[in-house]
Amino acid sequence: MWIDTHCHLQLTDGDPAEALDRAIEVDWVVVPGIDLASSKVAIDLAAGDTRIRASAGLHPHDAARWSQEQGGIEALMGDVSAVGEMGLDYYRNLSDPEEQRTAFAGQLALAHQHDLPAIVHCRDAFSDVYDHLARFDFGAKAVLHCWTGGPRWTKRFLELGVTFSFAGPVAFENGDTVRRGAALVPPERAMVETDTPYLTPPPFRGETNEPAHVALNGAALAEVWSIDVNEVAEATSQRARVVFGS
């Protein structure tokens, strides 16, 4: 059985329960919020379905709203299994970088205070994300969501004891850099995710992603590591249970 450690079921057009019903090989999923409203929806979904764990946070694209949403997100800490999706995105830069760093630091502190995993978005911001995480001792509970770093940054983050979560890019035709980074990650340090409804892996590229596709990302890792896909499922699911406590 697989565990999809990052799927935004609250952002899909379809029925989340039906999507989970189609994911017959998936034990449970983590649904992260990207702002206060979507975090509340994730919590509501988790309250109604034992296959769902919720996370609450503010995505870097909306970091300018941290001062407005901080109190509301903090109030949700008793109802979630993690904090995030948080982090830094210098690729799209939809929020001012300084505001991104402020929101990221605040959410890392919140996760540390409540002893919760931190689900981290990192795009073209490896150095700053590393520096922020190095200030804390999260270890396995620092989850690098949709990890796309190559060998150099993968080696550096391995030193922090973090967990690497791999999504569709590890299976993409142009995913050689991701796969070279993944080759350095021990299976017991990795998890798999779909990032539903985004980043659909082949052969379903162009379609809406869903938890049922998480096994395709696991199969890509099996090729990278030259091990049986069932070993990938076992190792990544065990890591998910360690990180999220379930």
C-alpha atoms as a PDB file:
ATOM      1  CA  MET A   1       0.000   0.000   0.000  1.00  0.00           C
ATOM      2  CA  TRP A   2       1.139   3.525  -0.861  1.00  0.00           C
ATOM      3  CA  ILE A   3       0.773   6.767   1.073  1.00  0.00           C
ATOM      4  CA  ASP A   4       0.270   9.932  -0.973  1.00  0.00           C
ATOM      5  CA  THR A   5       1.958  12.523   1.223  1.00  0.00           C
ATOM      6  CA  HIS A   6       0.812  15.608  -0.675  1.00  0.00           C
ATOM      7  CA  CYS A   7      -2.450  15.906  -2.572  1.00  0.00           C
ATOM      8  CA  HIS A   8      -4.681  18.961  -2.687  1.00  0.00           C
ATOM      9  CA  LEU A   9      -8.010  17.153  -2.805  1.00  0.00           C
ATOM     10  CA  GLN A  10      -9.756  20.371  -1.802  1.00  0.00           C
ATOM     11  CA  LEU A  11      -8.548  22.016  -5.043  1.00  0.00           C
ATOM     12  CA  THR A  12      -9.956  19.396  -7.410  1.00  0.00           C
ATOM     13  CA  ASP A  13     -13.220  19.691  -9.301  1.00  0.00           C
ATOM     14  CA  GLY A  14     -14.313  16.154  -8.514  1.00  0.00           C
ATOM     15  CA  ASP A  15     -15.500  14.445  -5.347  1.00  0.00           C
ATOM     16  CA  PRO A  16     -12.512  13.796  -3.018  1.00  0.00           C
ATOM     17  CA  ALA A  17     -14.126  10.601  -1.703  1.00  0.00           C
ATOM     18  CA  GLU A  18     -14.500   9.235  -5.226  1.00  0.00           C
ATOM     19  CA  ALA A  19     -10.865  10.053  -5.998  1.00  0.00           C
ATOM     20  CA  LEU A  20      -9.804   8.105  -2.909  1.00  0.00           C
ATOM     21  CA  ASP A  21     -12.071   5.216  -3.828  1.00  0.00           C
ATOM     22  CA  ARG A  22     -10.222   4.967  -7.164  1.00  0.00           C
ATOM     23  CA  ALA A  23      -6.892   4.895  -5.309  1.00  0.00           C
ATOM     24  CA  ILE A  24      -7.282   1.267  -4.249  1.00  0.00           C
ATOM     25  CA  GLU A  25      -3.542   0.878  -3.573  1.00  0.00           C
ATOM     26  CA  VAL A  26      -3.356   3.977  -1.343  1.00  0.00           C
ATOM     27  CA  ASP A  27      -3.682   3.580   2.415  1.00  0.00           C
ATOM     28  CA  TRP A  28      -4.046   7.270   3.286  1.00  0.00           C
ATOM     29  CA  VAL A  29      -3.179  10.745   2.028  1.00  0.00           C
ATOM     30  CA  VAL A  30      -2.040  14.113   3.352  1.00  0.00           C
ATOM     31  CA  VAL A  31      -4.069  17.129   2.201  1.00  0.00           C
ATOM     32  CA  PRO A  32      -2.128  20.372   2.742  1.00  0.00           C
ATOM     33  CA  GLY A  33      -3.708  23.786   2.868  1.00  0.00           C
ATOM     34  CA  ILE A  34      -2.305  26.649   0.839  1.00  0.00           C
ATOM     35  CA  ASP A  35      -4.040  29.374   2.860  1.00  0.00           C
ATOM     36  CA  LEU A  36      -6.411  29.664   5.792  1.00  0.00           C
ATOM     37  CA  ALA A  37      -9.562  28.835   3.828  1.00  0.00           C
ATOM     38  CA  SER A  38      -8.145  25.756   2.076  1.00  0.00           C
ATOM     39  CA  SER A  39      -6.591  24.592   5.348  1.00  0.00           C
ATOM     40  CA  LYS A  40     -10.009  24.635   6.985  1.00  0.00           C
ATOM     41  CA  VAL A  41     -11.429  22.612   4.098  1.00  0.00           C
ATOM     42  CA  ALA A  42      -8.606  20.079   4.479  1.00  0.00           C
ATOM     43  CA  ILE A  43      -9.467  19.715   8.163  1.00  0.00           C
ATOM     44  CA  ASP A  44     -13.138  19.225   7.320  1.00  0.00           C
ATOM     45  CA  LEU A  45     -12.210  16.523   4.797  1.00  0.00           C
ATOM     46  CA  ALA A  46     -10.040  14.749   7.364  1.00  0.00           C
ATOM     47  CA  ALA A  47     -12.795  14.887   9.958  1.00  0.00           C
ATOM     48  CA  GLY A  48     -15.098  13.020   7.590  1.00  0.00           C
ATOM     49  CA  ASP A  49     -12.687  10.439   6.174  1.00  0.00           C
ATOM     50  CA  THR A  50     -10.117   8.325   8.021  1.00  0.00           C
ATOM     51  CA  ARG A  51      -8.058   8.106   4.824  1.00  0.00           C
ATOM     52  CA  ILE A  52      -7.140  11.797   5.070  1.00  0.00           C
ATOM     53  CA  ARG A  53      -4.631  13.708   7.216  1.00  0.00           C
ATOM     54  CA  ALA A  54      -4.832  17.516   7.084  1.00  0.00           C
ATOM     55  CA  SER A  55      -2.123  20.151   7.106  1.00  0.00           C
ATOM     56  CA  ALA A  56      -2.518  23.920   7.530  1.00  0.00           C
ATOM     57  CA  GLY A  57      -0.299  26.599   6.057  1.00  0.00           C
ATOM     58  CA  LEU A  58       0.245  29.501   3.696  1.00  0.00           C
ATOM     59  CA  HIS A  59       1.841  28.944   0.289  1.00  0.00           C
ATOM     60  CA  PRO A  60       4.695  31.293  -0.652  1.00  0.00           C
ATOM     61  CA  HIS A  61       2.658  32.661  -3.543  1.00  0.00           C
ATOM     62  CA  ASP A  62       0.374  34.266  -0.954  1.00  0.00           C
ATOM     63  CA  ALA A  63       3.033  35.173   1.594  1.00  0.00           C
ATOM     64  CA  ALA A  64       1.885  38.803   1.638  1.00  0.00           C
ATOM     65  CA  ARG A  65      -1.188  37.617   3.553  1.00  0.00           C
ATOM     66  CA  TRP A  66       0.776  36.061   6.422  1.00  0.00           C
ATOM     67  CA  SER A  67       0.083  38.893   8.856  1.00  0.00           C
ATOM     68  CA  GLN A  68      -3.648  38.547   8.134  1.00  0.00           C
ATOM     69  CA  GLU A  69      -3.832  34.755   8.249  1.00  0.00           C
ATOM     70  CA  GLN A  70      -1.228  33.884  10.869  1.00  0.00           C
ATOM     71  CA  GLY A  71      -3.613  33.899  13.817  1.00  0.00           C
ATOM     72  CA  GLY A  72      -6.205  31.802  12.028  1.00  0.00           C
ATOM     73  CA  ILE A  73      -3.647  29.221  10.936  1.00  0.00           C
ATOM     74  CA  GLU A  74      -2.178  29.048  14.438  1.00  0.00           C
ATOM     75  CA  ALA A  75      -5.652  28.328  15.796  1.00  0.00           C
ATOM     76  CA  LEU A  76      -5.817  25.184  13.645  1.00  0.00           C
ATOM     77  CA  MET A  77      -2.755  23.487  15.109  1.00  0.00           C
ATOM     78  CA  GLY A  78      -4.778  21.110  17.279  1.00  0.00           C
ATOM     79  CA  ASP A  79      -6.563  19.698  14.229  1.00  0.00           C
ATOM     80  CA  VAL A  80      -3.687  18.993  11.828  1.00  0.00           C
ATOM     81  CA  SER A  81      -0.915  16.477  11.271  1.00  0.00           C
ATOM     82  CA  ALA A  82       1.543  19.011   9.806  1.00  0.00           C
ATOM     83  CA  VAL A  83       2.181  22.662   8.981  1.00  0.00           C
ATOM     84  CA  GLY A  84       2.300  23.748   5.355  1.00  0.00           C
ATOM     85  CA  GLU A  85       2.417  24.008   2.475  1.00  0.00           C
ATOM     86  CA  MET A  86       4.976  26.700   3.226  1.00  0.00           C
ATOM     87  CA  GLY A  87       8.282  27.693   1.715  1.00  0.00           C
ATOM     88  CA  LEU A  88       9.964  29.852  -0.901  1.00  0.00           C
ATOM     89  CA  ASP A  89       9.336  30.221  -4.629  1.00  0.00           C
ATOM     90  CA  TYR A  90      11.778  32.461  -6.478  1.00  0.00           C
ATOM     91  CA  TYR A  91      10.710  31.052  -9.859  1.00  0.00           C
ATOM     92  CA  ARG A  92       7.314  32.718 -10.072  1.00  0.00           C
ATOM     93  CA  ASN A  93       7.984  35.324  -7.377  1.00  0.00           C
ATOM     94  CA  LEU A  94       4.275  35.994  -6.925  1.00  0.00           C
ATOM     95  CA  SER A  95       5.062  37.443  -3.508  1.00  0.00           C
ATOM     96  CA  ASP A  96       7.940  39.673  -2.514  1.00  0.00           C
ATOM     97  CA  PRO A  97      10.924  37.493  -1.518  1.00  0.00           C
ATOM     98  CA  GLU A  98      11.259  39.195   1.847  1.00  0.00           C
ATOM     99  CA  GLU A  99       7.582  38.588   2.590  1.00  0.00           C
ATOM    100  CA  GLN A 100       8.080  34.958   1.563  1.00  0.00           C
ATOM    101  CA  ARG A 101      10.966  34.587   3.985  1.00  0.00           C
ATOM    102  CA  THR A 102       8.960  36.168   6.799  1.00  0.00           C
ATOM    103  CA  ALA A 103       6.000  33.822   6.254  1.00  0.00           C
ATOM    104  CA  PHE A 104       8.293  30.809   5.917  1.00  0.00           C
ATOM    105  CA  ALA A 105      10.186  31.578   9.111  1.00  0.00           C
ATOM    106  CA  GLY A 106       6.927  32.114  10.988  1.00  0.00           C
ATOM    107  CA  GLN A 107       5.500  28.785   9.881  1.00  0.00           C
ATOM    108  CA  LEU A 108       8.705  26.900  10.620  1.00  0.00           C
ATOM    109  CA  ALA A 109       8.622  28.333  14.122  1.00  0.00           C
ATOM    110  CA  LEU A 110       4.986  27.299  14.442  1.00  0.00           C
ATOM    111  CA  ALA A 111       5.747  23.729  13.351  1.00  0.00           C
ATOM    112  CA  HIS A 112       8.690  23.559  15.721  1.00  0.00           C
ATOM    113  CA  GLN A 113       6.618  24.905  18.613  1.00  0.00           C
ATOM    114  CA  HIS A 114       3.926  22.268  18.104  1.00  0.00           C
ATOM    115  CA  ASP A 115       6.336  19.443  17.184  1.00  0.00           C
ATOM    116  CA  LEU A 116       4.684  19.003  13.799  1.00  0.00           C
ATOM    117  CA  PRO A 117       6.192  18.191  10.411  1.00  0.00           C
ATOM    118  CA  ALA A 118       6.926  21.142   8.127  1.00  0.00           C
ATOM    119  CA  ILE A 119       5.833  20.617   4.515  1.00  0.00           C
ATOM    120  CA  VAL A 120       8.212  22.769   2.480  1.00  0.00           C
ATOM    121  CA  HIS A 121       7.837  24.136  -1.050  1.00  0.00           C
ATOM    122  CA  CYS A 122      11.191  24.987  -2.656  1.00  0.00           C
ATOM    123  CA  ARG A 123      11.526  26.325  -6.179  1.00  0.00           C
ATOM    124  CA  ASP A 124      14.693  28.100  -7.291  1.00  0.00           C
ATOM    125  CA  ALA A 125      15.313  28.869  -3.620  1.00  0.00           C
ATOM    126  CA  PHE A 126      17.563  26.049  -2.452  1.00  0.00           C
ATOM    127  CA  SER A 127      20.092  28.188  -0.590  1.00  0.00           C
ATOM    128  CA  ASP A 128      17.546  30.198   1.390  1.00  0.00           C
ATOM    129  CA  VAL A 129      15.407  27.142   2.185  1.00  0.00           C
ATOM    130  CA  TYR A 130      18.513  25.350   3.422  1.00  0.00           C
ATOM    131  CA  ASP A 131      19.485  28.288   5.640  1.00  0.00           C
ATOM    132  CA  HIS A 132      15.990  28.491   7.150  1.00  0.00           C
ATOM    133  CA  LEU A 133      15.784  24.764   7.881  1.00  0.00           C
ATOM    134  CA  ALA A 134      19.295  24.692   9.315  1.00  0.00           C
ATOM    135  CA  ARG A 135      18.110  26.982  12.135  1.00  0.00           C
ATOM    136  CA  PHE A 136      15.874  24.216  13.444  1.00  0.00           C
ATOM    137  CA  ASP A 137      16.329  20.545  14.235  1.00  0.00           C
ATOM    138  CA  PHE A 138      13.394  19.081  12.331  1.00  0.00           C
ATOM    139  CA  GLY A 139      15.249  16.038  11.034  1.00  0.00           C
ATOM    140  CA  ALA A 140      12.802  13.690   9.324  1.00  0.00           C
ATOM    141  CA  LYS A 141       9.919  16.080  10.021  1.00  0.00           C
ATOM    142  CA  ALA A 142      11.241  18.573   7.466  1.00  0.00           C
ATOM    143  CA  VAL A 143       9.493  17.390   4.298  1.00  0.00           C
ATOM    144  CA  LEU A 144      10.880  18.692   1.013  1.00  0.00           C
ATOM    145  CA  HIS A 145       7.696  18.496  -1.014  1.00  0.00           C
ATOM    146  CA  CYS A 146       8.045  17.703  -4.727  1.00  0.00           C
ATOM    147  CA  TRP A 147      11.823  17.612  -4.483  1.00  0.00           C
ATOM    148  CA  THR A 148      13.456  18.639  -7.765  1.00  0.00           C
ATOM    149  CA  GLY A 149      17.018  19.295  -6.623  1.00  0.00           C
ATOM    150  CA  GLY A 150      19.958  17.781  -8.433  1.00  0.00           C
ATOM    151  CA  PRO A 151      22.857  15.934  -6.827  1.00  0.00           C
ATOM    152  CA  ARG A 152      24.594  18.999  -5.327  1.00  0.00           C
ATOM    153  CA  TRP A 153      21.631  20.257  -3.323  1.00  0.00           C
ATOM    154  CA  THR A 154      20.405  16.774  -2.531  1.00  0.00           C
ATOM    155  CA  LYS A 155      23.734  16.028  -0.851  1.00  0.00           C
ATOM    156  CA  ARG A 156      23.506  19.207   1.213  1.00  0.00           C
ATOM    157  CA  PHE A 157      19.947  18.608   2.380  1.00  0.00           C
ATOM    158  CA  LEU A 158      20.755  14.990   3.228  1.00  0.00           C
ATOM    159  CA  GLU A 159      23.058  16.387   5.925  1.00  0.00           C
ATOM    160  CA  LEU A 160      20.029  17.966   7.646  1.00  0.00           C
ATOM    161  CA  GLY A 161      18.268  14.605   8.012  1.00  0.00           C
ATOM    162  CA  VAL A 162      15.241  15.796   6.018  1.00  0.00           C
ATOM    163  CA  THR A 163      12.670  13.716   4.169  1.00  0.00           C
ATOM    164  CA  PHE A 164      12.545  13.982   0.387  1.00  0.00           C
ATOM    165  CA  SER A 165       9.089  13.672  -1.185  1.00  0.00           C
ATOM    166  CA  PHE A 166       8.998  12.866  -4.891  1.00  0.00           C
ATOM    167  CA  ALA A 167       6.155  13.812  -7.231  1.00  0.00           C
ATOM    168  CA  GLY A 168       5.529  13.618 -10.988  1.00  0.00           C
ATOM    169  CA  PRO A 169       8.800  15.265 -12.104  1.00  0.00           C
ATOM    170  CA  VAL A 170      10.743  12.149 -11.104  1.00  0.00           C
ATOM    171  CA  ALA A 171       8.813  10.323 -13.842  1.00  0.00           C
ATOM    172  CA  PHE A 172       8.822  13.103 -16.463  1.00  0.00           C
ATOM    173  CA  GLU A 173      10.748  12.614 -19.702  1.00  0.00           C
ATOM    174  CA  ASN A 174      12.788  15.732 -18.872  1.00  0.00           C
ATOM    175  CA  GLY A 175      13.302  14.705 -15.237  1.00  0.00           C
ATOM    176  CA  ASP A 176      16.937  13.591 -15.483  1.00  0.00           C
ATOM    177  CA  THR A 177      18.143  16.143 -12.922  1.00  0.00           C
ATOM    178  CA  VAL A 178      15.480  15.022 -10.455  1.00  0.00           C
ATOM    179  CA  ARG A 179      16.357  11.381 -10.997  1.00  0.00           C
ATOM    180  CA  ARG A 180      20.088  12.041 -10.512  1.00  0.00           C
ATOM    181  CA  GLY A 181      19.269  13.722  -7.218  1.00  0.00           C
ATOM    182  CA  ALA A 182      16.899  10.940  -6.208  1.00  0.00           C
ATOM    183  CA  ALA A 183      19.610   8.345  -6.851  1.00  0.00           C
ATOM    184  CA  LEU A 184      21.491   9.758  -3.847  1.00  0.00           C
ATOM    185  CA  VAL A 185      18.517   9.490  -1.478  1.00  0.00           C
ATOM    186  CA  PRO A 186      18.250   6.257   0.515  1.00  0.00           C
ATOM    187  CA  PRO A 187      14.753   4.776   0.076  1.00  0.00           C
ATOM    188  CA  GLU A 188      14.183   4.995   3.823  1.00  0.00           C
ATOM    189  CA  ARG A 189      14.611   8.791   3.592  1.00  0.00           C
ATOM    190  CA  ALA A 190      11.994   9.236   0.852  1.00  0.00           C
ATOM    191  CA  MET A 191       8.254   9.551   0.409  1.00  0.00           C
ATOM    192  CA  VAL A 192       6.003   9.749  -2.643  1.00  0.00           C
ATOM    193  CA  GLU A 193       3.211  12.163  -3.503  1.00  0.00           C
ATOM    194  CA  THR A 194       1.029  13.246  -6.399  1.00  0.00           C
ATOM    195  CA  ASP A 195       0.580  16.983  -5.694  1.00  0.00           C
ATOM    196  CA  THR A 196      -2.972  16.432  -6.957  1.00  0.00           C
ATOM    197  CA  PRO A 197      -4.380  18.026  -9.113  1.00  0.00           C
ATOM    198  CA  TYR A 198      -0.995  19.050 -10.574  1.00  0.00           C
ATOM    199  CA  LEU A 199       2.096  17.333 -12.045  1.00  0.00           C
ATOM    200  CA  THR A 200       0.355  14.288 -13.478  1.00  0.00           C
ATOM    201  CA  PRO A 201       2.924  11.608 -14.366  1.00  0.00           C
ATOM    202  CA  PRO A 202       3.038   9.755 -17.694  1.00  0.00           C
ATOM    203  CA  PRO A 203       1.124   8.161 -19.290  1.00  0.00           C
ATOM    204  CA  PHE A 204      -1.597  10.526 -18.023  1.00  0.00           C
ATOM    205  CA  ARG A 205       0.146  13.846 -18.709  1.00  0.00           C
ATOM    206  CA  GLY A 206      -2.406  16.525 -19.584  1.00  0.00           C
ATOM    207  CA  GLU A 207      -5.063  14.996 -17.339  1.00  0.00           C
ATOM    208  CA  THR A 208      -5.993  16.004 -13.803  1.00  0.00           C
ATOM    209  CA  ASN A 209      -3.797  14.252 -11.294  1.00  0.00           C
ATOM    210  CA  GLU A 210      -5.232  12.145  -8.462  1.00  0.00           C
ATOM    211  CA  PRO A 211      -3.970   9.878  -5.655  1.00  0.00           C
ATOM    212  CA  ALA A 212      -4.330   6.716  -7.752  1.00  0.00           C
ATOM    213  CA  HIS A 213      -1.321   7.876  -9.789  1.00  0.00           C
ATOM    214  CA  VAL A 214       1.096   7.906  -6.860  1.00  0.00           C
ATOM    215  CA  ALA A 215       2.272   4.387  -7.708  1.00  0.00           C
ATOM    216  CA  LEU A 216       3.617   5.681 -11.029  1.00  0.00           C
ATOM    217  CA  ASN A 217       5.983   8.000  -9.181  1.00  0.00           C
ATOM    218  CA  GLY A 218       6.977   5.090  -6.970  1.00  0.00           C
ATOM    219  CA  ALA A 219       7.684   2.995 -10.044  1.00  0.00           C
ATOM    220  CA  ALA A 220       9.977   5.723 -11.374  1.00  0.00           C
ATOM    221  CA  LEU A 221      11.902   5.640  -8.094  1.00  0.00           C
ATOM    222  CA  ALA A 222      12.142   1.856  -8.311  1.00  0.00           C
ATOM    223  CA  GLU A 223      13.959   2.284 -11.619  1.00  0.00           C
ATOM    224  CA  VAL A 224      16.248   4.949 -10.180  1.00  0.00           C
ATOM    225  CA  TRP A 225      17.164   2.759  -7.197  1.00  0.00           C
ATOM    226  CA  SER A 226      17.113  -0.551  -9.126  1.00  0.00           C
ATOM    227  CA  ILE A 227      14.853  -2.196  -6.558  1.00  0.00           C
ATOM    228  CA  ASP A 228      11.433  -3.800  -6.690  1.00  0.00           C
ATOM    229  CA  VAL A 229       8.513  -1.392  -6.685  1.00  0.00           C
ATOM    230  CA  ASN A 230       7.053  -3.158  -3.648  1.00  0.00           C
ATOM    231  CA  GLU A 231      10.197  -2.250  -1.730  1.00  0.00           C
ATOM    232  CA  VAL A 232       9.636   1.392  -2.679  1.00  0.00           C
ATOM    233  CA  ALA A 233       6.063   1.228  -1.430  1.00  0.00           C
ATOM    234  CA  GLU A 234       7.182  -0.307   1.852  1.00  0.00           C
ATOM    235  CA  ALA A 235      10.065   2.107   2.458  1.00  0.00           C
ATOM    236  CA  THR A 236       8.204   5.285   1.527  1.00  0.00           C
ATOM    237  CA  SER A 237       5.083   4.339   3.450  1.00  0.00           C
ATOM    238  CA  GLN A 238       7.139   3.555   6.533  1.00  0.00           C
ATOM    239  CA  ARG A 239       8.815   6.943   6.268  1.00  0.00           C
ATOM    240  CA  ALA A 240       5.397   8.608   5.976  1.00  0.00           C
ATOM    241  CA  ARG A 241       4.255   6.902   9.163  1.00  0.00           C
ATOM    242  CA  VAL A 242       7.400   8.068  10.962  1.00  0.00           C
ATOM    243  CA  VAL A 243       6.965  11.650   9.744  1.00  0.00           C
ATOM    244  CA  PHE A 244       3.240  12.036  10.253  1.00  0.00           C
ATOM    245  CA  GLY A 245       2.872   9.731  13.231  1.00  0.00           C
ATOM    246  CA  SER A 246       0.229   7.427  11.786  1.00  0.00           C
END
